Amino acid sequence: MDVSNLLDYGERRVSLADRTLKEVLKGRPVACGRGCAYCCYGVTLWLRKIEVLLIARSLNRKKPKERTVIAKKLREYTRIYDEESKRAGYRPVSPIREEDLDLEKVSLVGGLAMNEVPCPF
């Protein structure tokens, strides 16, 4: 599958997820608003190829100043994640195969320190 087809597939999946989420939340209040990221704290970023491509496409559509802000957040996230992974003794090589993931150690790395760090996206 070429990149264009992969992106089209990914966008269809995102659209389906958005529609499903709207249906599930229909009539239910959501406490967060624009800019709120409290549900995204403590998230360990493990991205699949399709997610990287969709994020890159989205970032390329943003103004340079917005991309700079996100890049700064990513650098800080990476710095903290690297410190925590060293402390936990778990530094998997990227790209990692799903079957090689140690979810207990990933959870340890994504523990208390990462709970102070919002997802950079």
N, C-alpha and C. Protein backbone atom coordinates (compact mmCIF):
# COMPACT_ATOMS: atom_id res chain seq x y z
N MET A 1 0.86 -1.17 0.00
CA MET A 1 0.00 0.00 0.00
C MET A 1 0.90 1.23 0.00
N ASP A 2 0.69 2.14 -0.96
CA ASP A 2 1.51 3.34 -1.01
C ASP A 2 1.05 4.35 0.05
N VAL A 3 1.86 5.37 0.28
CA VAL A 3 1.60 6.34 1.34
C VAL A 3 0.26 7.04 1.15
N SER A 4 -0.08 7.40 -0.07
CA SER A 4 -1.34 8.09 -0.33
C SER A 4 -2.53 7.21 0.07
N ASN A 5 -2.50 5.94 -0.32
CA ASN A 5 -3.58 5.02 0.05
C ASN A 5 -3.62 4.79 1.55
N LEU A 6 -2.44 4.72 2.17
CA LEU A 6 -2.36 4.53 3.60
C LEU A 6 -2.96 5.73 4.34
N LEU A 7 -2.66 6.93 3.87
CA LEU A 7 -3.23 8.14 4.48
C LEU A 7 -4.74 8.19 4.30
N ASP A 8 -5.22 7.84 3.12
CA ASP A 8 -6.66 7.80 2.89
C ASP A 8 -7.33 6.81 3.84
N TYR A 9 -6.73 5.65 3.98
CA TYR A 9 -7.24 4.63 4.90
C TYR A 9 -7.26 5.17 6.32
N GLY A 10 -6.15 5.79 6.73
CA GLY A 10 -6.06 6.35 8.07
C GLY A 10 -7.10 7.41 8.33
N GLU A 11 -7.33 8.27 7.35
CA GLU A 11 -8.34 9.32 7.53
C GLU A 11 -9.74 8.74 7.63
N ARG A 12 -10.01 7.67 6.90
CA ARG A 12 -11.31 7.00 7.02
C ARG A 12 -11.48 6.42 8.42
N ARG A 13 -10.42 5.83 8.97
CA ARG A 13 -10.47 5.26 10.32
C ARG A 13 -10.68 6.35 11.37
N VAL A 14 -9.99 7.48 11.20
CA VAL A 14 -10.15 8.59 12.14
C VAL A 14 -11.57 9.12 12.07
N SER A 15 -12.10 9.25 10.87
CA SER A 15 -13.48 9.72 10.68
C SER A 15 -14.47 8.78 11.36
N LEU A 16 -14.26 7.49 11.20
CA LEU A 16 -15.12 6.50 11.84
C LEU A 16 -15.03 6.61 13.36
N ALA A 17 -13.83 6.76 13.88
CA ALA A 17 -13.64 6.91 15.33
C ALA A 17 -14.33 8.17 15.83
N ASP A 18 -14.20 9.28 15.09
CA ASP A 18 -14.86 10.52 15.47
C ASP A 18 -16.38 10.36 15.51
N ARG A 19 -16.93 9.74 14.47
CA ARG A 19 -18.39 9.53 14.42
C ARG A 19 -18.86 8.64 15.58
N THR A 20 -18.09 7.60 15.85
CA THR A 20 -18.44 6.67 16.93
C THR A 20 -18.39 7.39 18.28
N LEU A 21 -17.34 8.19 18.49
CA LEU A 21 -17.21 8.92 19.74
C LEU A 21 -18.37 9.91 19.92
N LYS A 22 -18.73 10.62 18.86
CA LYS A 22 -19.87 11.55 18.94
C LYS A 22 -21.15 10.82 19.29
N GLU A 23 -21.33 9.64 18.72
CA GLU A 23 -22.54 8.85 18.99
C GLU A 23 -22.55 8.38 20.44
N VAL A 24 -21.41 7.91 20.92
CA VAL A 24 -21.32 7.41 22.29
C VAL A 24 -21.55 8.55 23.29
N LEU A 25 -21.03 9.74 22.98
CA LEU A 25 -21.14 10.88 23.90
C LEU A 25 -22.43 11.68 23.74
N LYS A 26 -23.23 11.32 22.76
CA LYS A 26 -24.47 12.07 22.47
C LYS A 26 -25.31 12.21 23.75
N GLY A 27 -25.59 13.47 24.10
CA GLY A 27 -26.41 13.74 25.27
C GLY A 27 -25.65 13.68 26.59
N ARG A 28 -24.38 13.38 26.54
CA ARG A 28 -23.57 13.32 27.76
C ARG A 28 -22.64 14.53 27.79
N PRO A 29 -22.61 15.24 28.88
CA PRO A 29 -21.71 16.39 28.95
C PRO A 29 -20.25 15.94 29.03
N VAL A 30 -19.40 16.70 28.41
CA VAL A 30 -17.96 16.45 28.48
C VAL A 30 -17.36 17.64 29.22
N ALA A 31 -16.58 17.35 30.26
CA ALA A 31 -16.08 18.40 31.15
C ALA A 31 -14.98 19.25 30.54
N CYS A 32 -14.29 18.73 29.56
CA CYS A 32 -13.16 19.49 29.02
C CYS A 32 -13.62 20.40 27.88
N GLY A 33 -12.76 21.34 27.55
CA GLY A 33 -13.04 22.25 26.46
C GLY A 33 -11.80 22.44 25.62
N ARG A 34 -11.86 23.34 24.69
CA ARG A 34 -10.73 23.60 23.79
C ARG A 34 -9.47 23.89 24.60
N GLY A 35 -8.41 23.18 24.27
CA GLY A 35 -7.14 23.38 24.94
C GLY A 35 -6.93 22.51 26.16
N CYS A 36 -7.97 21.88 26.66
CA CYS A 36 -7.85 21.02 27.83
C CYS A 36 -7.18 19.71 27.42
N ALA A 37 -6.26 19.23 28.25
CA ALA A 37 -5.55 18.00 27.93
C ALA A 37 -5.45 17.06 29.13
N TYR A 38 -6.29 17.25 30.14
CA TYR A 38 -6.14 16.45 31.35
C TYR A 38 -6.32 14.96 31.10
N CYS A 39 -7.08 14.58 30.11
CA CYS A 39 -7.24 13.16 29.80
C CYS A 39 -6.00 12.62 29.09
N CYS A 40 -5.11 13.48 28.70
CA CYS A 40 -3.93 13.08 27.93
C CYS A 40 -2.65 13.10 28.76
N TYR A 41 -2.76 13.27 30.06
CA TYR A 41 -1.57 13.23 30.91
C TYR A 41 -1.18 11.78 31.17
N GLY A 42 0.12 11.54 31.27
CA GLY A 42 0.60 10.19 31.55
C GLY A 42 0.53 9.26 30.36
N VAL A 43 0.37 9.80 29.17
CA VAL A 43 0.26 8.99 27.96
C VAL A 43 1.66 8.67 27.44
N THR A 44 1.94 7.41 27.24
CA THR A 44 3.19 7.02 26.61
C THR A 44 2.95 6.96 25.12
N LEU A 45 3.72 7.73 24.36
CA LEU A 45 3.51 7.82 22.92
C LEU A 45 4.17 6.65 22.19
N TRP A 46 3.36 5.75 21.72
CA TRP A 46 3.79 4.67 20.85
C TRP A 46 2.94 4.80 19.61
N LEU A 47 3.55 5.17 18.52
CA LEU A 47 2.80 5.45 17.30
C LEU A 47 3.07 4.40 16.23
N ARG A 48 2.03 4.09 15.51
CA ARG A 48 2.16 3.21 14.35
C ARG A 48 2.45 4.10 13.13
N LYS A 49 2.91 3.47 12.08
CA LYS A 49 3.29 4.21 10.87
C LYS A 49 2.16 5.11 10.39
N ILE A 50 0.95 4.60 10.35
CA ILE A 50 -0.18 5.38 9.86
C ILE A 50 -0.40 6.62 10.73
N GLU A 51 -0.23 6.46 12.05
CA GLU A 51 -0.42 7.60 12.95
C GLU A 51 0.66 8.66 12.72
N VAL A 52 1.89 8.22 12.50
CA VAL A 52 2.97 9.16 12.22
C VAL A 52 2.67 9.93 10.94
N LEU A 53 2.21 9.23 9.91
CA LEU A 53 1.90 9.89 8.64
C LEU A 53 0.76 10.89 8.79
N LEU A 54 -0.28 10.52 9.52
CA LEU A 54 -1.41 11.43 9.72
C LEU A 54 -1.00 12.66 10.55
N ILE A 55 -0.17 12.44 11.57
CA ILE A 55 0.31 13.57 12.38
C ILE A 55 1.18 14.48 11.53
N ALA A 56 2.07 13.89 10.74
CA ALA A 56 2.94 14.70 9.86
C ALA A 56 2.11 15.52 8.90
N ARG A 57 1.08 14.92 8.31
CA ARG A 57 0.21 15.66 7.39
C ARG A 57 -0.46 16.82 8.12
N SER A 58 -0.96 16.55 9.30
CA SER A 58 -1.63 17.59 10.08
C SER A 58 -0.66 18.71 10.46
N LEU A 59 0.56 18.33 10.89
CA LEU A 59 1.55 19.34 11.26
C LEU A 59 1.96 20.19 10.06
N ASN A 60 2.07 19.57 8.91
CA ASN A 60 2.46 20.32 7.71
C ASN A 60 1.41 21.34 7.30
N ARG A 61 0.19 21.17 7.77
CA ARG A 61 -0.89 22.10 7.45
C ARG A 61 -0.94 23.29 8.43
N LYS A 62 -0.18 23.18 9.50
CA LYS A 62 -0.18 24.24 10.51
C LYS A 62 0.80 25.34 10.13
N LYS A 63 0.59 26.50 10.74
CA LYS A 63 1.50 27.63 10.54
C LYS A 63 2.84 27.30 11.19
N PRO A 64 3.93 27.87 10.66
CA PRO A 64 5.26 27.58 11.23
C PRO A 64 5.35 27.82 12.74
N LYS A 65 4.72 28.88 13.23
CA LYS A 65 4.77 29.18 14.66
C LYS A 65 4.11 28.06 15.48
N GLU A 66 2.99 27.54 14.99
CA GLU A 66 2.32 26.44 15.68
C GLU A 66 3.18 25.18 15.69
N ARG A 67 3.85 24.91 14.55
CA ARG A 67 4.73 23.74 14.47
C ARG A 67 5.90 23.88 15.44
N THR A 68 6.41 25.10 15.59
CA THR A 68 7.51 25.34 16.52
C THR A 68 7.10 25.05 17.95
N VAL A 69 5.89 25.46 18.32
CA VAL A 69 5.38 25.20 19.68
C VAL A 69 5.28 23.70 19.93
N ILE A 70 4.74 22.98 18.97
CA ILE A 70 4.58 21.52 19.12
C ILE A 70 5.95 20.85 19.17
N ALA A 71 6.89 21.29 18.35
CA ALA A 71 8.24 20.72 18.35
C ALA A 71 8.90 20.90 19.72
N LYS A 72 8.70 22.06 20.32
CA LYS A 72 9.26 22.33 21.65
C LYS A 72 8.65 21.38 22.67
N LYS A 73 7.34 21.18 22.61
CA LYS A 73 6.67 20.25 23.52
C LYS A 73 7.19 18.83 23.32
N LEU A 74 7.41 18.43 22.07
CA LEU A 74 7.93 17.09 21.78
C LEU A 74 9.33 16.90 22.35
N ARG A 75 10.18 17.91 22.21
CA ARG A 75 11.54 17.81 22.76
C ARG A 75 11.50 17.64 24.28
N GLU A 76 10.64 18.40 24.95
CA GLU A 76 10.53 18.31 26.40
C GLU A 76 9.96 16.95 26.80
N TYR A 77 8.94 16.50 26.10
CA TYR A 77 8.37 15.17 26.36
C TYR A 77 9.45 14.10 26.22
N THR A 78 10.22 14.19 25.14
CA THR A 78 11.28 13.20 24.87
C THR A 78 12.34 13.23 25.97
N ARG A 79 12.72 14.41 26.41
CA ARG A 79 13.72 14.53 27.47
C ARG A 79 13.24 13.84 28.75
N ILE A 80 12.02 14.13 29.15
CA ILE A 80 11.48 13.53 30.38
C ILE A 80 11.31 12.02 30.21
N TYR A 81 10.79 11.61 29.05
CA TYR A 81 10.61 10.18 28.80
C TYR A 81 11.95 9.45 28.86
N ASP A 82 12.99 10.03 28.24
CA ASP A 82 14.31 9.41 28.26
C ASP A 82 14.83 9.27 29.69
N GLU A 83 14.65 10.30 30.50
CA GLU A 83 15.08 10.23 31.90
C GLU A 83 14.35 9.11 32.64
N GLU A 84 13.05 9.02 32.45
CA GLU A 84 12.26 8.00 33.14
C GLU A 84 12.59 6.59 32.65
N SER A 85 12.82 6.45 31.34
CA SER A 85 13.14 5.13 30.82
C SER A 85 14.52 4.66 31.30
N LYS A 86 15.46 5.59 31.45
CA LYS A 86 16.77 5.23 32.01
C LYS A 86 16.60 4.79 33.46
N ARG A 87 15.81 5.55 34.21
CA ARG A 87 15.58 5.23 35.62
C ARG A 87 14.93 3.86 35.76
N ALA A 88 14.01 3.53 34.87
CA ALA A 88 13.31 2.24 34.92
C ALA A 88 14.12 1.11 34.29
N GLY A 89 15.20 1.45 33.60
CA GLY A 89 16.01 0.43 32.95
C GLY A 89 15.32 -0.19 31.74
N TYR A 90 14.48 0.59 31.10
CA TYR A 90 13.75 0.07 29.93
C TYR A 90 13.82 1.09 28.81
N ARG A 91 14.67 0.79 27.85
CA ARG A 91 14.86 1.70 26.71
C ARG A 91 14.74 0.89 25.42
N PRO A 92 13.51 0.56 25.04
CA PRO A 92 13.33 -0.24 23.83
C PRO A 92 13.80 0.51 22.58
N VAL A 93 14.31 -0.23 21.65
CA VAL A 93 14.80 0.33 20.40
C VAL A 93 13.61 0.56 19.47
N SER A 94 13.62 1.67 18.78
CA SER A 94 12.54 2.00 17.85
C SER A 94 12.97 1.65 16.44
N PRO A 95 12.13 1.12 15.60
CA PRO A 95 10.75 0.71 15.89
C PRO A 95 10.73 -0.61 16.66
N ILE A 96 9.79 -0.72 17.56
CA ILE A 96 9.66 -1.92 18.37
C ILE A 96 8.48 -2.74 17.87
N ARG A 97 8.66 -4.02 17.90
CA ARG A 97 7.54 -4.90 17.52
C ARG A 97 6.62 -5.03 18.73
N GLU A 98 5.33 -5.07 18.47
CA GLU A 98 4.35 -5.11 19.55
C GLU A 98 4.59 -6.28 20.49
N GLU A 99 4.98 -7.42 19.94
CA GLU A 99 5.20 -8.60 20.79
C GLU A 99 6.43 -8.46 21.68
N ASP A 100 7.30 -7.48 21.41
CA ASP A 100 8.48 -7.24 22.24
C ASP A 100 8.23 -6.20 23.32
N LEU A 101 7.06 -5.60 23.32
CA LEU A 101 6.73 -4.59 24.34
C LEU A 101 6.58 -5.24 25.70
N ASP A 102 7.18 -4.65 26.70
CA ASP A 102 6.99 -5.08 28.08
C ASP A 102 6.05 -4.05 28.71
N LEU A 103 4.76 -4.37 28.72
CA LEU A 103 3.75 -3.41 29.17
C LEU A 103 3.92 -2.99 30.62
N GLU A 104 4.45 -3.89 31.44
CA GLU A 104 4.68 -3.54 32.84
C GLU A 104 5.74 -2.44 32.94
N LYS A 105 6.82 -2.59 32.16
CA LYS A 105 7.88 -1.58 32.19
C LYS A 105 7.44 -0.29 31.50
N VAL A 106 6.67 -0.41 30.42
CA VAL A 106 6.14 0.79 29.76
C VAL A 106 5.28 1.56 30.75
N SER A 107 4.47 0.83 31.53
CA SER A 107 3.62 1.47 32.54
C SER A 107 4.46 2.14 33.61
N LEU A 108 5.56 1.49 33.98
CA LEU A 108 6.46 2.07 34.96
C LEU A 108 7.06 3.37 34.43
N VAL A 109 7.51 3.35 33.19
CA VAL A 109 8.09 4.55 32.58
C VAL A 109 7.03 5.65 32.48
N GLY A 110 5.82 5.27 32.10
CA GLY A 110 4.74 6.24 31.97
C GLY A 110 4.09 6.59 33.29
N GLY A 111 4.72 6.23 34.39
CA GLY A 111 4.17 6.41 35.72
C GLY A 111 4.11 7.84 36.20
N LEU A 112 4.49 8.05 37.43
CA LEU A 112 4.27 9.33 38.09
C LEU A 112 4.88 10.53 37.38
N ALA A 113 6.11 10.45 36.93
CA ALA A 113 6.73 11.61 36.29
C ALA A 113 6.00 11.97 35.01
N MET A 114 5.63 10.97 34.21
CA MET A 114 4.93 11.25 32.96
C MET A 114 3.51 11.75 33.22
N ASN A 115 2.96 11.48 34.40
CA ASN A 115 1.63 11.99 34.72
C ASN A 115 1.62 13.51 34.84
N GLU A 116 2.80 14.10 34.95
CA GLU A 116 2.93 15.55 35.01
C GLU A 116 3.10 16.17 33.63
N VAL A 117 3.17 15.32 32.59
CA VAL A 117 3.48 15.80 31.24
C VAL A 117 2.31 15.52 30.30
N PRO A 118 1.72 16.55 29.73
CA PRO A 118 0.62 16.31 28.80
C PRO A 118 1.16 15.78 27.47
N CYS A 119 0.31 15.06 26.76
CA CYS A 119 0.66 14.63 25.42
C CYS A 119 1.02 15.88 24.61
N PRO A 120 2.14 15.87 23.89
CA PRO A 120 2.57 17.07 23.17
C PRO A 120 1.64 17.45 22.02
N PHE A 121 0.75 16.57 21.65
CA PHE A 121 -0.16 16.89 20.56
C PHE A 121 -1.47 17.43 21.08
